[in-house]
């Protein structure tokens, strides 16, 4: 990593634990609502695999797996999350 990438990675690690809570508070939980709607509109079939690019804190990936578990009664689906930050 170059210096700029190391700085960004460090900043991300400092806020990652609280990022989703702050986003939920500042958006009055609308960020969670639209992510769940996004996943439901995917209408994924049981066993489907998803690639989440720039997945950040994996919130969409979590909603996707919950959808597969709750709606499709499926435990075979998978998500691969790719993000620049570790």
N, C-alpha and C. Protein backbone atom coordinates (compact mmCIF):
# COMPACT_ATOMS: atom_id res chain seq x y z
N UNK A 1 0.83 -1.19 0.00
CA UNK A 1 0.00 0.00 0.00
C UNK A 1 0.87 1.24 0.00
N UNK A 2 0.39 2.25 -0.71
CA UNK A 2 1.10 3.52 -0.61
C UNK A 2 0.59 4.28 0.61
N UNK A 3 1.18 5.39 0.89
CA UNK A 3 0.87 6.14 2.12
C UNK A 3 -0.61 6.55 2.19
N UNK A 4 -1.17 7.02 1.08
CA UNK A 4 -2.58 7.45 1.07
C UNK A 4 -3.51 6.27 1.37
N UNK A 5 -3.22 5.11 0.78
CA UNK A 5 -4.04 3.93 1.03
C UNK A 5 -3.95 3.50 2.49
N UNK A 6 -2.76 3.59 3.06
CA UNK A 6 -2.59 3.23 4.47
C UNK A 6 -3.39 4.16 5.38
N UNK A 7 -3.40 5.45 5.06
CA UNK A 7 -4.17 6.41 5.85
C UNK A 7 -5.66 6.09 5.77
N UNK A 8 -6.17 5.86 4.55
CA UNK A 8 -7.59 5.55 4.38
C UNK A 8 -7.96 4.25 5.09
N UNK A 9 -7.11 3.25 5.01
CA UNK A 9 -7.36 1.98 5.67
C UNK A 9 -7.41 2.18 7.18
N UNK A 10 -6.51 3.00 7.69
CA UNK A 10 -6.48 3.28 9.13
C UNK A 10 -7.75 3.99 9.58
N UNK A 11 -8.17 4.99 8.81
CA UNK A 11 -9.39 5.73 9.14
C UNK A 11 -10.59 4.79 9.12
N UNK A 12 -10.68 3.98 8.08
CA UNK A 12 -11.80 3.04 7.97
C UNK A 12 -11.85 2.11 9.18
N UNK A 13 -10.71 1.58 9.59
CA UNK A 13 -10.68 0.69 10.75
C UNK A 13 -11.12 1.39 12.03
N UNK A 14 -10.85 2.67 12.13
CA UNK A 14 -11.24 3.41 13.33
C UNK A 14 -12.75 3.61 13.40
N UNK A 15 -13.42 3.72 12.26
CA UNK A 15 -14.86 4.01 12.28
C UNK A 15 -15.73 2.81 11.92
N UNK A 16 -15.16 1.72 11.45
CA UNK A 16 -15.94 0.59 10.96
C UNK A 16 -16.93 0.05 11.98
N UNK A 17 -16.54 -0.03 13.23
CA UNK A 17 -17.42 -0.59 14.26
C UNK A 17 -18.67 0.24 14.49
N UNK A 18 -18.58 1.55 14.29
CA UNK A 18 -19.75 2.40 14.55
C UNK A 18 -20.38 2.93 13.27
N UNK A 19 -19.81 2.63 12.13
CA UNK A 19 -20.29 3.21 10.86
C UNK A 19 -21.77 2.93 10.61
N UNK A 20 -22.19 1.68 10.73
CA UNK A 20 -23.58 1.33 10.45
C UNK A 20 -24.55 1.99 11.43
N UNK A 21 -24.16 2.10 12.70
CA UNK A 21 -25.03 2.77 13.68
C UNK A 21 -25.16 4.25 13.37
N UNK A 22 -24.05 4.90 13.05
CA UNK A 22 -24.09 6.33 12.72
C UNK A 22 -24.92 6.55 11.46
N UNK A 23 -24.75 5.70 10.46
CA UNK A 23 -25.52 5.83 9.22
C UNK A 23 -27.01 5.64 9.50
N UNK A 24 -27.35 4.69 10.34
CA UNK A 24 -28.76 4.45 10.68
C UNK A 24 -29.35 5.64 11.41
N UNK A 25 -28.62 6.18 12.36
CA UNK A 25 -29.11 7.34 13.11
C UNK A 25 -29.26 8.55 12.20
N UNK A 26 -28.25 8.82 11.41
CA UNK A 26 -28.28 10.03 10.57
C UNK A 26 -29.30 9.95 9.44
N UNK A 27 -29.67 8.73 9.04
CA UNK A 27 -30.66 8.59 7.95
C UNK A 27 -32.03 8.17 8.49
N UNK A 28 -32.19 8.19 9.81
CA UNK A 28 -33.42 7.74 10.46
C UNK A 28 -33.77 6.31 10.01
N UNK A 29 -32.76 5.50 9.90
CA UNK A 29 -32.84 4.07 9.51
C UNK A 29 -33.24 3.84 8.06
N UNK A 30 -33.32 4.89 7.25
CA UNK A 30 -33.67 4.71 5.84
C UNK A 30 -32.59 3.94 5.09
N UNK A 31 -31.34 4.03 5.52
CA UNK A 31 -30.28 3.27 4.85
C UNK A 31 -30.54 1.77 4.96
N UNK A 32 -31.02 1.33 6.10
CA UNK A 32 -31.33 -0.09 6.28
C UNK A 32 -32.56 -0.47 5.46
N UNK A 33 -33.55 0.40 5.42
CA UNK A 33 -34.77 0.13 4.64
C UNK A 33 -34.43 -0.05 3.17
N UNK A 34 -33.65 0.86 2.59
CA UNK A 34 -33.37 0.72 1.16
C UNK A 34 -32.48 -0.48 0.87
N UNK A 35 -31.59 -0.83 1.78
CA UNK A 35 -30.76 -2.02 1.56
C UNK A 35 -31.60 -3.29 1.59
N UNK A 36 -32.55 -3.37 2.50
CA UNK A 36 -33.44 -4.54 2.55
C UNK A 36 -34.32 -4.60 1.31
N UNK A 37 -34.83 -3.43 0.86
CA UNK A 37 -35.64 -3.40 -0.37
C UNK A 37 -34.82 -3.84 -1.57
N UNK A 38 -33.59 -3.38 -1.63
CA UNK A 38 -32.68 -3.78 -2.71
C UNK A 38 -32.54 -5.29 -2.76
N UNK A 39 -32.31 -5.90 -1.61
CA UNK A 39 -32.14 -7.35 -1.55
C UNK A 39 -33.43 -8.06 -1.96
N UNK A 40 -34.59 -7.58 -1.48
CA UNK A 40 -35.85 -8.22 -1.83
C UNK A 40 -36.13 -8.10 -3.33
N UNK A 41 -35.78 -6.96 -3.92
CA UNK A 41 -35.99 -6.79 -5.37
C UNK A 41 -35.09 -7.69 -6.21
N UNK A 42 -34.00 -8.15 -5.63
CA UNK A 42 -33.13 -9.09 -6.34
C UNK A 42 -33.88 -10.38 -6.61
N UNK A 43 -34.81 -10.74 -5.69
CA UNK A 43 -35.60 -11.95 -5.84
C UNK A 43 -34.71 -13.16 -6.13
N UNK A 44 -33.67 -13.29 -5.36
CA UNK A 44 -32.66 -14.34 -5.58
C UNK A 44 -33.25 -15.72 -5.37
N UNK A 45 -32.84 -16.62 -6.22
CA UNK A 45 -33.27 -18.01 -6.12
C UNK A 45 -32.46 -18.71 -5.02
N UNK A 46 -33.02 -19.78 -4.45
CA UNK A 46 -32.26 -20.55 -3.47
C UNK A 46 -30.95 -21.04 -4.09
N UNK A 47 -29.91 -20.98 -3.30
CA UNK A 47 -28.60 -21.44 -3.75
C UNK A 47 -27.82 -20.43 -4.56
N UNK A 48 -28.39 -19.25 -4.76
CA UNK A 48 -27.71 -18.22 -5.57
C UNK A 48 -26.46 -17.72 -4.87
N UNK A 49 -25.49 -17.32 -5.67
CA UNK A 49 -24.26 -16.74 -5.14
C UNK A 49 -24.26 -15.25 -5.50
N UNK A 50 -23.75 -14.43 -4.59
CA UNK A 50 -23.73 -12.99 -4.81
C UNK A 50 -22.31 -12.47 -4.65
N UNK A 51 -21.95 -11.51 -5.48
CA UNK A 51 -20.68 -10.79 -5.36
C UNK A 51 -21.02 -9.37 -4.94
N UNK A 52 -20.54 -8.95 -3.79
CA UNK A 52 -20.78 -7.61 -3.27
C UNK A 52 -19.49 -6.82 -3.42
N UNK A 53 -19.45 -5.93 -4.41
CA UNK A 53 -18.26 -5.13 -4.68
C UNK A 53 -18.36 -3.84 -3.88
N UNK A 54 -17.27 -3.45 -3.24
CA UNK A 54 -17.22 -2.29 -2.34
C UNK A 54 -18.21 -2.51 -1.20
N UNK A 55 -18.16 -3.70 -0.62
CA UNK A 55 -19.12 -4.13 0.38
C UNK A 55 -18.99 -3.50 1.75
N UNK A 56 -17.93 -2.77 1.99
CA UNK A 56 -17.78 -2.05 3.26
C UNK A 56 -17.97 -2.92 4.48
N UNK A 57 -19.01 -2.63 5.26
CA UNK A 57 -19.25 -3.37 6.49
C UNK A 57 -20.12 -4.60 6.27
N UNK A 58 -20.34 -4.97 5.03
CA UNK A 58 -21.07 -6.20 4.66
C UNK A 58 -22.55 -6.16 5.00
N UNK A 59 -23.13 -4.98 5.16
CA UNK A 59 -24.54 -4.91 5.56
C UNK A 59 -25.46 -5.49 4.49
N UNK A 60 -25.21 -5.20 3.21
CA UNK A 60 -26.05 -5.77 2.16
C UNK A 60 -25.86 -7.28 2.11
N UNK A 61 -24.65 -7.75 2.26
CA UNK A 61 -24.39 -9.19 2.28
C UNK A 61 -25.16 -9.85 3.42
N UNK A 62 -25.19 -9.23 4.58
CA UNK A 62 -25.93 -9.79 5.72
C UNK A 62 -27.42 -9.85 5.41
N UNK A 63 -27.97 -8.78 4.83
CA UNK A 63 -29.40 -8.76 4.48
C UNK A 63 -29.71 -9.83 3.43
N UNK A 64 -28.80 -10.03 2.48
CA UNK A 64 -28.98 -11.04 1.45
C UNK A 64 -29.07 -12.44 2.08
N UNK A 65 -28.17 -12.74 2.98
CA UNK A 65 -28.18 -14.06 3.62
C UNK A 65 -29.41 -14.23 4.51
N UNK A 66 -29.84 -13.16 5.17
CA UNK A 66 -31.07 -13.22 5.96
C UNK A 66 -32.27 -13.49 5.05
N UNK A 67 -32.30 -12.82 3.91
CA UNK A 67 -33.38 -13.03 2.94
C UNK A 67 -33.41 -14.49 2.50
N UNK A 68 -32.26 -15.01 2.13
CA UNK A 68 -32.21 -16.40 1.68
C UNK A 68 -32.67 -17.35 2.79
N UNK A 69 -32.27 -17.07 4.01
CA UNK A 69 -32.63 -17.92 5.14
C UNK A 69 -34.13 -17.81 5.45
N UNK A 70 -34.64 -16.59 5.52
CA UNK A 70 -36.03 -16.36 5.94
C UNK A 70 -37.05 -16.58 4.84
N UNK A 71 -36.76 -16.14 3.63
CA UNK A 71 -37.73 -16.22 2.54
C UNK A 71 -37.62 -17.55 1.80
N UNK A 72 -36.42 -17.94 1.43
CA UNK A 72 -36.22 -19.15 0.65
C UNK A 72 -35.91 -20.38 1.51
N UNK A 73 -35.77 -20.18 2.82
CA UNK A 73 -35.39 -21.29 3.72
C UNK A 73 -34.14 -21.99 3.19
N UNK A 74 -33.19 -21.19 2.75
CA UNK A 74 -31.99 -21.68 2.08
C UNK A 74 -30.75 -21.36 2.88
N UNK A 75 -29.93 -22.35 3.10
CA UNK A 75 -28.67 -22.14 3.81
C UNK A 75 -27.48 -22.44 2.90
N UNK A 76 -27.72 -22.61 1.61
CA UNK A 76 -26.63 -22.93 0.69
C UNK A 76 -26.14 -21.72 -0.09
N UNK A 77 -26.86 -20.61 -0.03
CA UNK A 77 -26.44 -19.40 -0.74
C UNK A 77 -25.15 -18.86 -0.14
N UNK A 78 -24.41 -18.10 -0.95
CA UNK A 78 -23.17 -17.54 -0.44
C UNK A 78 -22.96 -16.13 -0.99
N UNK A 79 -22.12 -15.41 -0.29
CA UNK A 79 -21.76 -14.04 -0.68
C UNK A 79 -20.24 -13.92 -0.63
N UNK A 80 -19.68 -13.31 -1.64
CA UNK A 80 -18.26 -12.96 -1.62
C UNK A 80 -18.21 -11.43 -1.63
N UNK A 81 -17.59 -10.88 -0.60
CA UNK A 81 -17.50 -9.43 -0.47
C UNK A 81 -16.08 -8.99 -0.84
N UNK A 82 -16.01 -7.99 -1.72
CA UNK A 82 -14.74 -7.43 -2.14
C UNK A 82 -14.73 -5.96 -1.77
N UNK A 83 -13.67 -5.52 -1.12
CA UNK A 83 -13.57 -4.12 -0.73
C UNK A 83 -12.09 -3.75 -0.68
N UNK A 84 -11.78 -2.51 -0.99
CA UNK A 84 -10.39 -2.05 -0.94
C UNK A 84 -9.84 -2.07 0.48
N UNK A 85 -10.71 -1.84 1.45
CA UNK A 85 -10.28 -1.83 2.85
C UNK A 85 -10.35 -3.24 3.42
N UNK A 86 -9.36 -3.56 4.24
CA UNK A 86 -9.37 -4.88 4.86
C UNK A 86 -10.37 -4.92 5.98
